[in-house]
Amino acid sequence: MGLGRKVHRDQLDTGLPDDLYQEFHQLSEWAGTLGEKFGGRVSIRLVDAASIEGFFKSLFRRFRRYPAFTVDGERYIGSDFARVDGLISERLAASTKGG
């Protein structure tokens, strides 16, 4: 995934505070593992909450804290990426069973 390099470059250009930088780094590291874990069955889309698109998505999905995830309509807010992996795995298992 070329996502990591672009994300890091964008982050460095914005000059985020250290705590947000660390959170952002953890998120991008986790996102980089998705291809290895799930192959081509998963796509990820990062949306900056401070952008116009992020603002409207936050309103629509009623996200008030971040990071926030939606996995096929299932919402999760927090930094427990193992939990997000679980949501993805559950959804993939359900789709292979015809659910």
PDB file of N, CA and C in Angstrom:
ATOM      1  N   MET A   1       0.844  -1.186   0.000  1.00  0.00           N
ATOM      2  CA  MET A   1       0.000   0.000   0.000  1.00  0.00           C
ATOM      3  C   MET A   1       0.884   1.242   0.000  1.00  0.00           C
ATOM      4  N   GLY A   2       0.741   2.138  -0.910  1.00  0.00           N
ATOM      5  CA  GLY A   2       1.466   3.390  -0.925  1.00  0.00           C
ATOM      6  C   GLY A   2       0.867   4.411   0.016  1.00  0.00           C
ATOM      7  N   LEU A   3      -0.148   4.012   0.732  1.00  0.00           N
ATOM      8  CA  LEU A   3      -0.882   4.894   1.620  1.00  0.00           C
ATOM      9  C   LEU A   3       0.011   5.463   2.712  1.00  0.00           C
ATOM     10  N   GLY A   4       0.861   4.640   3.308  1.00  0.00           N
ATOM     11  CA  GLY A   4       1.680   5.050   4.439  1.00  0.00           C
ATOM     12  C   GLY A   4       2.570   6.243   4.137  1.00  0.00           C
ATOM     13  N   ARG A   5       3.275   6.184   3.023  1.00  0.00           N
ATOM     14  CA  ARG A   5       4.187   7.278   2.667  1.00  0.00           C
ATOM     15  C   ARG A   5       3.448   8.579   2.445  1.00  0.00           C
ATOM     16  N   LYS A   6       2.341   8.517   1.715  1.00  0.00           N
ATOM     17  CA  LYS A   6       1.567   9.733   1.452  1.00  0.00           C
ATOM     18  C   LYS A   6       1.000  10.301   2.744  1.00  0.00           C
ATOM     19  N   VAL A   7       0.477   9.415   3.597  1.00  0.00           N
ATOM     20  CA  VAL A   7      -0.109   9.848   4.861  1.00  0.00           C
ATOM     21  C   VAL A   7       0.956  10.516   5.723  1.00  0.00           C
ATOM     22  N   HIS A   8       2.132   9.907   5.829  1.00  0.00           N
ATOM     23  CA  HIS A   8       3.194  10.491   6.640  1.00  0.00           C
ATOM     24  C   HIS A   8       3.655  11.828   6.085  1.00  0.00           C
ATOM     25  N   ARG A   9       3.777  11.907   4.770  1.00  0.00           N
ATOM     26  CA  ARG A   9       4.188  13.171   4.151  1.00  0.00           C
ATOM     27  C   ARG A   9       3.148  14.256   4.429  1.00  0.00           C
ATOM     28  N   ASP A  10       1.865  13.915   4.276  1.00  0.00           N
ATOM     29  CA  ASP A  10       0.803  14.885   4.539  1.00  0.00           C
ATOM     30  C   ASP A  10       0.824  15.334   5.995  1.00  0.00           C
ATOM     31  N   GLN A  11       1.034  14.384   6.893  1.00  0.00           N
ATOM     32  CA  GLN A  11       1.051  14.692   8.314  1.00  0.00           C
ATOM     33  C   GLN A  11       2.211  15.620   8.643  1.00  0.00           C
ATOM     34  N   LEU A  12       3.386  15.324   8.121  1.00  0.00           N
ATOM     35  CA  LEU A  12       4.543  16.164   8.388  1.00  0.00           C
ATOM     36  C   LEU A  12       4.328  17.573   7.859  1.00  0.00           C
ATOM     37  N   ASP A  13       3.656  17.685   6.724  1.00  0.00           N
ATOM     38  CA  ASP A  13       3.382  18.996   6.133  1.00  0.00           C
ATOM     39  C   ASP A  13       2.410  19.813   6.978  1.00  0.00           C
ATOM     40  N   THR A  14       1.510  19.141   7.708  1.00  0.00           N
ATOM     41  CA  THR A  14       0.510  19.858   8.499  1.00  0.00           C
ATOM     42  C   THR A  14       1.028  20.270   9.859  1.00  0.00           C
ATOM     43  N   GLY A  15       2.100  19.651  10.350  1.00  0.00           N
ATOM     44  CA  GLY A  15       2.673  20.025  11.638  1.00  0.00           C
ATOM     45  C   GLY A  15       1.766  19.706  12.812  1.00  0.00           C
ATOM     46  N   LEU A  16       1.256  18.503  12.878  1.00  0.00           N
ATOM     47  CA  LEU A  16       0.376  18.107  13.978  1.00  0.00           C
ATOM     48  C   LEU A  16       1.106  18.102  15.313  1.00  0.00           C
ATOM     49  N   PRO A  17       0.408  18.356  16.411  1.00  0.00           N
ATOM     50  CA  PRO A  17       1.005  18.210  17.737  1.00  0.00           C
ATOM     51  C   PRO A  17       1.425  16.751  17.967  1.00  0.00           C
ATOM     52  N   ASP A  18       2.340  16.534  18.902  1.00  0.00           N
ATOM     53  CA  ASP A  18       2.906  15.202  19.131  1.00  0.00           C
ATOM     54  C   ASP A  18       1.859  14.129  19.401  1.00  0.00           C
ATOM     55  N   ASP A  19       0.855  14.429  20.237  1.00  0.00           N
ATOM     56  CA  ASP A  19      -0.143  13.407  20.557  1.00  0.00           C
ATOM     57  C   ASP A  19      -0.952  13.009  19.324  1.00  0.00           C
ATOM     58  N   LEU A  20      -1.326  13.977  18.511  1.00  0.00           N
ATOM     59  CA  LEU A  20      -2.062  13.663  17.292  1.00  0.00           C
ATOM     60  C   LEU A  20      -1.168  12.959  16.280  1.00  0.00           C
ATOM     61  N   TYR A  21       0.103  13.348  16.263  1.00  0.00           N
ATOM     62  CA  TYR A  21       1.039  12.666  15.370  1.00  0.00           C
ATOM     63  C   TYR A  21       1.134  11.190  15.730  1.00  0.00           C
ATOM     64  N   GLN A  22       1.256  10.875  17.022  1.00  0.00           N
ATOM     65  CA  GLN A  22       1.363   9.481  17.463  1.00  0.00           C
ATOM     66  C   GLN A  22       0.099   8.694  17.096  1.00  0.00           C
ATOM     67  N   GLU A  23      -1.059   9.293  17.341  1.00  0.00           N
ATOM     68  CA  GLU A  23      -2.318   8.630  16.995  1.00  0.00           C
ATOM     69  C   GLU A  23      -2.406   8.388  15.493  1.00  0.00           C
ATOM     70  N   PHE A  24      -2.014   9.383  14.728  1.00  0.00           N
ATOM     71  CA  PHE A  24      -2.033   9.286  13.280  1.00  0.00           C
ATOM     72  C   PHE A  24      -1.064   8.212  12.792  1.00  0.00           C
ATOM     73  N   HIS A  25       0.102   8.164  13.417  1.00  0.00           N
ATOM     74  CA  HIS A  25       1.112   7.162  13.060  1.00  0.00           C
ATOM     75  C   HIS A  25       0.586   5.751  13.337  1.00  0.00           C
ATOM     76  N   GLN A  26      -0.035   5.541  14.488  1.00  0.00           N
ATOM     77  CA  GLN A  26      -0.595   4.231  14.821  1.00  0.00           C
ATOM     78  C   GLN A  26      -1.676   3.837  13.824  1.00  0.00           C
ATOM     79  N   LEU A  27      -2.514   4.777  13.463  1.00  0.00           N
ATOM     80  CA  LEU A  27      -3.570   4.509  12.491  1.00  0.00           C
ATOM     81  C   LEU A  27      -2.984   4.128  11.137  1.00  0.00           C
ATOM     82  N   SER A  28      -1.984   4.859  10.685  1.00  0.00           N
ATOM     83  CA  SER A  28      -1.415   4.546   9.372  1.00  0.00           C
ATOM     84  C   SER A  28      -0.650   3.228   9.402  1.00  0.00           C
ATOM     85  N   GLU A  29       0.011   2.914  10.516  1.00  0.00           N
ATOM     86  CA  GLU A  29       0.695   1.622  10.649  1.00  0.00           C
ATOM     87  C   GLU A  29      -0.329   0.486  10.574  1.00  0.00           C
ATOM     88  N   TRP A  30      -1.429   0.628  11.272  1.00  0.00           N
ATOM     89  CA  TRP A  30      -2.486  -0.398  11.251  1.00  0.00           C
ATOM     90  C   TRP A  30      -3.061  -0.534   9.839  1.00  0.00           C
ATOM     91  N   ALA A  31      -3.332   0.582   9.196  1.00  0.00           N
ATOM     92  CA  ALA A  31      -3.896   0.545   7.839  1.00  0.00           C
ATOM     93  C   ALA A  31      -2.963  -0.186   6.894  1.00  0.00           C
ATOM     94  N   GLY A  32      -1.676  -0.051   7.106  1.00  0.00           N
ATOM     95  CA  GLY A  32      -0.701  -0.730   6.266  1.00  0.00           C
ATOM     96  C   GLY A  32      -0.707  -2.239   6.421  1.00  0.00           C
ATOM     97  N   THR A  33      -1.280  -2.746   7.507  1.00  0.00           N
ATOM     98  CA  THR A  33      -1.332  -4.197   7.731  1.00  0.00           C
ATOM     99  C   THR A  33      -2.552  -4.855   7.100  1.00  0.00           C
ATOM    100  N   LEU A  34      -3.507  -4.080   6.656  1.00  0.00           N
ATOM    101  CA  LEU A  34      -4.768  -4.653   6.168  1.00  0.00           C
ATOM    102  C   LEU A  34      -4.591  -5.522   4.935  1.00  0.00           C
ATOM    103  N   GLY A  35      -3.712  -5.134   4.042  1.00  0.00           N
ATOM    104  CA  GLY A  35      -3.472  -5.940   2.843  1.00  0.00           C
ATOM    105  C   GLY A  35      -2.950  -7.317   3.195  1.00  0.00           C
ATOM    106  N   GLU A  36      -2.045  -7.374   4.151  1.00  0.00           N
ATOM    107  CA  GLU A  36      -1.481  -8.650   4.588  1.00  0.00           C
ATOM    108  C   GLU A  36      -2.533  -9.510   5.287  1.00  0.00           C
ATOM    109  N   LYS A  37      -3.383  -8.882   6.069  1.00  0.00           N
ATOM    110  CA  LYS A  37      -4.395  -9.616   6.839  1.00  0.00           C
ATOM    111  C   LYS A  37      -5.571 -10.085   5.983  1.00  0.00           C
ATOM    112  N   PHE A  38      -6.031  -9.221   5.084  1.00  0.00           N
ATOM    113  CA  PHE A  38      -7.284  -9.490   4.387  1.00  0.00           C
ATOM    114  C   PHE A  38      -7.158  -9.528   2.866  1.00  0.00           C
ATOM    115  N   GLY A  39      -5.973  -9.278   2.353  1.00  0.00           N
ATOM    116  CA  GLY A  39      -5.777  -9.297   0.910  1.00  0.00           C
ATOM    117  C   GLY A  39      -6.590  -8.214   0.227  1.00  0.00           C
ATOM    118  N   GLY A  40      -7.048  -8.509  -0.963  1.00  0.00           N
ATOM    119  CA  GLY A  40      -7.817  -7.554  -1.746  1.00  0.00           C
ATOM    120  C   GLY A  40      -9.283  -7.486  -1.369  1.00  0.00           C
ATOM    121  N   ARG A  41      -9.670  -8.194  -0.320  1.00  0.00           N
ATOM    122  CA  ARG A  41     -11.084  -8.216   0.070  1.00  0.00           C
ATOM    123  C   ARG A  41     -11.516  -6.988   0.843  1.00  0.00           C
ATOM    124  N   VAL A  42     -10.567  -6.139   1.202  1.00  0.00           N
ATOM    125  CA  VAL A  42     -10.871  -4.975   2.024  1.00  0.00           C
ATOM    126  C   VAL A  42     -10.284  -3.731   1.386  1.00  0.00           C
ATOM    127  N   SER A  43     -11.051  -2.680   1.385  1.00  0.00           N
ATOM    128  CA  SER A  43     -10.515  -1.388   0.970  1.00  0.00           C
ATOM    129  C   SER A  43     -10.736  -0.414   2.119  1.00  0.00           C
ATOM    130  N   ILE A  44      -9.814   0.500   2.247  1.00  0.00           N
ATOM    131  CA  ILE A  44      -9.902   1.480   3.323  1.00  0.00           C
ATOM    132  C   ILE A  44      -9.910   2.862   2.709  1.00  0.00           C
ATOM    133  N   ARG A  45     -10.642   3.734   3.344  1.00  0.00           N
ATOM    134  CA  ARG A  45     -10.701   5.115   2.877  1.00  0.00           C
ATOM    135  C   ARG A  45     -10.526   6.008   4.086  1.00  0.00           C
ATOM    136  N   LEU A  46      -9.439   6.728   4.123  1.00  0.00           N
ATOM    137  CA  LEU A  46      -9.188   7.668   5.205  1.00  0.00           C
ATOM    138  C   LEU A  46      -9.793   9.009   4.838  1.00  0.00           C
ATOM    139  N   VAL A  47     -10.560   9.562   5.745  1.00  0.00           N
ATOM    140  CA  VAL A  47     -11.178  10.861   5.520  1.00  0.00           C
ATOM    141  C   VAL A  47     -10.783  11.763   6.685  1.00  0.00           C
ATOM    142  N   ASP A  48     -10.209  12.892   6.369  1.00  0.00           N
ATOM    143  CA  ASP A  48      -9.821  13.864   7.385  1.00  0.00           C
ATOM    144  C   ASP A  48     -11.081  14.498   7.963  1.00  0.00           C
ATOM    145  N   ALA A  49     -11.260  14.373   9.276  1.00  0.00           N
ATOM    146  CA  ALA A  49     -12.462  14.911   9.922  1.00  0.00           C
ATOM    147  C   ALA A  49     -12.554  16.426   9.792  1.00  0.00           C
ATOM    148  N   ALA A  50     -11.417  17.086   9.574  1.00  0.00           N
ATOM    149  CA  ALA A  50     -11.413  18.540   9.452  1.00  0.00           C
ATOM    150  C   ALA A  50     -11.727  19.017   8.034  1.00  0.00           C
ATOM    151  N   SER A  51     -11.835  18.093   7.084  1.00  0.00           N
ATOM    152  CA  SER A  51     -12.172  18.481   5.718  1.00  0.00           C
ATOM    153  C   SER A  51     -13.685  18.662   5.585  1.00  0.00           C
ATOM    154  N   ILE A  52     -14.105  19.251   4.497  1.00  0.00           N
ATOM    155  CA  ILE A  52     -15.542  19.418   4.239  1.00  0.00           C
ATOM    156  C   ILE A  52     -16.215  18.048   4.178  1.00  0.00           C
ATOM    157  N   GLU A  53     -15.602  17.109   3.443  1.00  0.00           N
ATOM    158  CA  GLU A  53     -16.164  15.756   3.354  1.00  0.00           C
ATOM    159  C   GLU A  53     -16.240  15.120   4.737  1.00  0.00           C
ATOM    160  N   GLY A  54     -15.177  15.248   5.521  1.00  0.00           N
ATOM    161  CA  GLY A  54     -15.149  14.673   6.864  1.00  0.00           C
ATOM    162  C   GLY A  54     -16.195  15.296   7.772  1.00  0.00           C
ATOM    163  N   PHE A  55     -16.381  16.603   7.643  1.00  0.00           N
ATOM    164  CA  PHE A  55     -17.396  17.297   8.426  1.00  0.00           C
ATOM    165  C   PHE A  55     -18.776  16.722   8.158  1.00  0.00           C
ATOM    166  N   PHE A  56     -19.130  16.574   6.881  1.00  0.00           N
ATOM    167  CA  PHE A  56     -20.451  16.052   6.543  1.00  0.00           C
ATOM    168  C   PHE A  56     -20.600  14.582   6.898  1.00  0.00           C
ATOM    169  N   LYS A  57     -19.547  13.797   6.705  1.00  0.00           N
ATOM    170  CA  LYS A  57     -19.607  12.384   7.098  1.00  0.00           C
ATOM    171  C   LYS A  57     -19.783  12.262   8.612  1.00  0.00           C
ATOM    172  N   SER A  58     -19.101  13.115   9.358  1.00  0.00           N
ATOM    173  CA  SER A  58     -19.233  13.101  10.817  1.00  0.00           C
ATOM    174  C   SER A  58     -20.657  13.442  11.239  1.00  0.00           C
ATOM    175  N   LEU A  59     -21.246  14.423  10.591  1.00  0.00           N
ATOM    176  CA  LEU A  59     -22.636  14.776  10.888  1.00  0.00           C
ATOM    177  C   LEU A  59     -23.578  13.625  10.552  1.00  0.00           C
ATOM    178  N   PHE A  60     -23.416  13.083   9.364  1.00  0.00           N
ATOM    179  CA  PHE A  60     -24.292  12.015   8.892  1.00  0.00           C
ATOM    180  C   PHE A  60     -24.189  10.767   9.773  1.00  0.00           C
ATOM    181  N   ARG A  61     -22.969  10.389  10.132  1.00  0.00           N
ATOM    182  CA  ARG A  61     -22.759   9.174  10.921  1.00  0.00           C
ATOM    183  C   ARG A  61     -22.766   9.433  12.426  1.00  0.00           C
ATOM    184  N   ARG A  62     -22.899  10.707  12.803  1.00  0.00           N
ATOM    185  CA  ARG A  62     -22.952  11.132  14.206  1.00  0.00           C
ATOM    186  C   ARG A  62     -21.690  10.754  14.975  1.00  0.00           C
ATOM    187  N   PHE A  63     -20.551  10.960  14.332  1.00  0.00           N
ATOM    188  CA  PHE A  63     -19.271  10.768  14.995  1.00  0.00           C
ATOM    189  C   PHE A  63     -18.897  12.069  15.692  1.00  0.00           C
ATOM    190  N   ARG A  64     -18.541  11.973  16.959  1.00  0.00           N
ATOM    191  CA  ARG A  64     -18.117  13.152  17.705  1.00  0.00           C
ATOM    192  C   ARG A  64     -16.698  13.010  18.231  1.00  0.00           C
ATOM    193  N   ARG A  65     -16.155  11.781  18.134  1.00  0.00           N
ATOM    194  CA  ARG A  65     -14.784  11.504  18.558  1.00  0.00           C
ATOM    195  C   ARG A  65     -14.097  10.710  17.465  1.00  0.00           C
ATOM    196  N   TYR A  66     -12.768  10.699  17.529  1.00  0.00           N
ATOM    197  CA  TYR A  66     -11.999  10.048  16.483  1.00  0.00           C
ATOM    198  C   TYR A  66     -10.814   9.338  17.104  1.00  0.00           C
ATOM    199  N   PRO A  67     -10.261   8.327  16.482  1.00  0.00           N
ATOM    200  CA  PRO A  67     -10.643   7.808  15.179  1.00  0.00           C
ATOM    201  C   PRO A  67     -11.990   7.092  15.238  1.00  0.00           C
ATOM    202  N   ALA A  68     -12.673   7.114  14.122  1.00  0.00           N
ATOM    203  CA  ALA A  68     -13.979   6.487  13.997  1.00  0.00           C
ATOM    204  C   ALA A  68     -13.991   5.636  12.734  1.00  0.00           C
ATOM    205  N   PHE A  69     -14.654   4.501  12.821  1.00  0.00           N
ATOM    206  CA  PHE A  69     -14.661   3.534  11.728  1.00  0.00           C
ATOM    207  C   PHE A  69     -16.088   3.096  11.435  1.00  0.00           C
ATOM    208  N   THR A  70     -16.342   2.823  10.168  1.00  0.00           N
ATOM    209  CA  THR A  70     -17.586   2.196   9.750  1.00  0.00           C
ATOM    210  C   THR A  70     -17.213   0.993   8.905  1.00  0.00           C
ATOM    211  N   VAL A  71     -17.652  -0.182   9.339  1.00  0.00           N
ATOM    212  CA  VAL A  71     -17.398  -1.413   8.598  1.00  0.00           C
ATOM    213  C   VAL A  71     -18.759  -1.945   8.162  1.00  0.00           C
ATOM    214  N   ASP A  72     -19.068  -1.691   6.904  1.00  0.00           N
ATOM    215  CA  ASP A  72     -20.342  -2.116   6.326  1.00  0.00           C
ATOM    216  C   ASP A  72     -21.521  -1.716   7.213  1.00  0.00           C
ATOM    217  N   GLY A  73     -21.524  -0.458   7.656  1.00  0.00           N
ATOM    218  CA  GLY A  73     -22.608   0.084   8.456  1.00  0.00           C
ATOM    219  C   GLY A  73     -22.414  -0.054   9.956  1.00  0.00           C
ATOM    220  N   GLU A  74     -21.522  -0.913  10.403  1.00  0.00           N
ATOM    221  CA  GLU A  74     -21.238  -1.096  11.825  1.00  0.00           C
ATOM    222  C   GLU A  74     -20.229  -0.031  12.253  1.00  0.00           C
ATOM    223  N   ARG A  75     -20.579   0.711  13.302  1.00  0.00           N
ATOM    224  CA  ARG A  75     -19.727   1.809  13.751  1.00  0.00           C
ATOM    225  C   ARG A  75     -18.843   1.385  14.917  1.00  0.00           C
ATOM    226  N   TYR A  76     -17.652   1.943  14.955  1.00  0.00           N
ATOM    227  CA  TYR A  76     -16.771   1.790  16.109  1.00  0.00           C
ATOM    228  C   TYR A  76     -15.965   3.074  16.243  1.00  0.00           C
ATOM    229  N   ILE A  77     -15.867   3.568  17.468  1.00  0.00           N
ATOM    230  CA  ILE A  77     -15.081   4.764  17.749  1.00  0.00           C
ATOM    231  C   ILE A  77     -14.023   4.384  18.775  1.00  0.00           C
ATOM    232  N   GLY A  78     -12.775   4.570  18.419  1.00  0.00           N
ATOM    233  CA  GLY A  78     -11.684   4.281  19.339  1.00  0.00           C
ATOM    234  C   GLY A  78     -10.449   3.808  18.611  1.00  0.00           C
ATOM    235  N   SER A  79      -9.423   3.507  19.390  1.00  0.00           N
ATOM    236  CA  SER A  79      -8.130   3.131  18.824  1.00  0.00           C
ATOM    237  C   SER A  79      -7.792   1.665  19.010  1.00  0.00           C
ATOM    238  N   ASP A  80      -8.777   0.842  19.330  1.00  0.00           N
ATOM    239  CA  ASP A  80      -8.541  -0.597  19.460  1.00  0.00           C
ATOM    240  C   ASP A  80      -8.654  -1.213  18.064  1.00  0.00           C
ATOM    241  N   PHE A  81      -7.517  -1.226  17.360  1.00  0.00           N
ATOM    242  CA  PHE A  81      -7.520  -1.686  15.978  1.00  0.00           C
ATOM    243  C   PHE A  81      -7.810  -3.177  15.871  1.00  0.00           C
ATOM    244  N   ALA A  82      -7.528  -3.931  16.931  1.00  0.00           N
ATOM    245  CA  ALA A  82      -7.893  -5.353  16.938  1.00  0.00           C
ATOM    246  C   ALA A  82      -9.411  -5.495  16.865  1.00  0.00           C
ATOM    247  N   ARG A  83     -10.115  -4.589  17.479  1.00  0.00           N
ATOM    248  CA  ARG A  83     -11.583  -4.617  17.414  1.00  0.00           C
ATOM    249  C   ARG A  83     -12.063  -4.321  16.000  1.00  0.00           C
ATOM    250  N   VAL A  84     -11.417  -3.392  15.330  1.00  0.00           N
ATOM    251  CA  VAL A  84     -11.776  -3.086  13.938  1.00  0.00           C
ATOM    252  C   VAL A  84     -11.474  -4.293  13.059  1.00  0.00           C
ATOM    253  N   ASP A  85     -10.321  -4.936  13.295  1.00  0.00           N
ATOM    254  CA  ASP A  85      -9.991  -6.167  12.568  1.00  0.00           C
ATOM    255  C   ASP A  85     -11.088  -7.208  12.775  1.00  0.00           C
ATOM    256  N   GLY A  86     -11.588  -7.319  14.003  1.00  0.00           N
ATOM    257  CA  GLY A  86     -12.668  -8.260  14.296  1.00  0.00           C
ATOM    258  C   GLY A  86     -13.934  -7.937  13.530  1.00  0.00           C
ATOM    259  N   LEU A  87     -14.285  -6.662  13.454  1.00  0.00           N
ATOM    260  CA  LEU A  87     -15.472  -6.254  12.689  1.00  0.00           C
ATOM    261  C   LEU A  87     -15.307  -6.617  11.216  1.00  0.00           C
ATOM    262  N   ILE A  88     -14.110  -6.386  10.704  1.00  0.00           N
ATOM    263  CA  ILE A  88     -13.845  -6.715   9.302  1.00  0.00           C
ATOM    264  C   ILE A  88     -13.955  -8.224   9.089  1.00  0.00           C
ATOM    265  N   SER A  89     -13.325  -8.994   9.979  1.00  0.00           N
ATOM    266  CA  SER A  89     -13.373 -10.459   9.869  1.00  0.00           C
ATOM    267  C   SER A  89     -14.799 -10.983   9.933  1.00  0.00           C
ATOM    268  N   GLU A  90     -15.588 -10.440  10.868  1.00  0.00           N
ATOM    269  CA  GLU A  90     -16.989 -10.857  10.987  1.00  0.00           C
ATOM    270  C   GLU A  90     -17.753 -10.568   9.702  1.00  0.00           C
ATOM    271  N   ARG A  91     -17.538  -9.404   9.133  1.00  0.00           N
ATOM    272  CA  ARG A  91     -18.258  -9.019   7.911  1.00  0.00           C
ATOM    273  C   ARG A  91     -17.844  -9.894   6.740  1.00  0.00           C
ATOM    274  N   LEU A  92     -16.554 -10.181   6.635  1.00  0.00           N
ATOM    275  CA  LEU A  92     -16.079 -11.041   5.556  1.00  0.00           C
ATOM    276  C   LEU A  92     -16.632 -12.451   5.708  1.00  0.00           C
ATOM    277  N   ALA A  93     -16.687 -12.958   6.944  1.00  0.00           N
ATOM    278  CA  ALA A  93     -17.226 -14.293   7.190  1.00  0.00           C
ATOM    279  C   ALA A  93     -18.707 -14.347   6.830  1.00  0.00           C
ATOM    280  N   ALA A  94     -19.428 -13.296   7.190  1.00  0.00           N
ATOM    281  CA  ALA A  94     -20.860 -13.247   6.884  1.00  0.00           C
ATOM    282  C   ALA A  94     -21.095 -13.188   5.371  1.00  0.00           C
ATOM    283  N   SER A  95     -20.227 -12.473   4.658  1.00  0.00           N
ATOM    284  CA  SER A  95     -20.428 -12.351   3.214  1.00  0.00           C
ATOM    285  C   SER A  95     -20.107 -13.653   2.488  1.00  0.00           C
ATOM    286  N   THR A  96     -19.195 -14.458   3.018  1.00  0.00           N
ATOM    287  CA  THR A  96     -18.881 -15.739   2.384  1.00  0.00           C
ATOM    288  C   THR A  96     -19.962 -16.768   2.668  1.00  0.00           C
ATOM    289  N   LYS A  97     -20.749 -16.545   3.745  1.00  0.00           N
ATOM    290  CA  LYS A  97     -21.848 -17.455   4.060  1.00  0.00           C
ATOM    291  C   LYS A  97     -23.135 -17.042   3.366  1.00  0.00           C
ATOM    292  N   GLY A  98     -23.054 -15.947   2.622  1.00  0.00           N
ATOM    293  CA  GLY A  98     -24.235 -15.477   1.895  1.00  0.00           C
ATOM    294  C   GLY A  98     -25.020 -14.452   2.682  1.00  0.00           C
ATOM    295  N   GLY A  99     -24.465 -13.956   3.797  1.00  0.00           N
ATOM    296  CA  GLY A  99     -25.138 -13.011   4.669  1.00  0.00           C
ATOM    297  C   GLY A  99     -24.833 -11.671   4.264  1.00  0.00           C
TER     298      GLY A  99
END
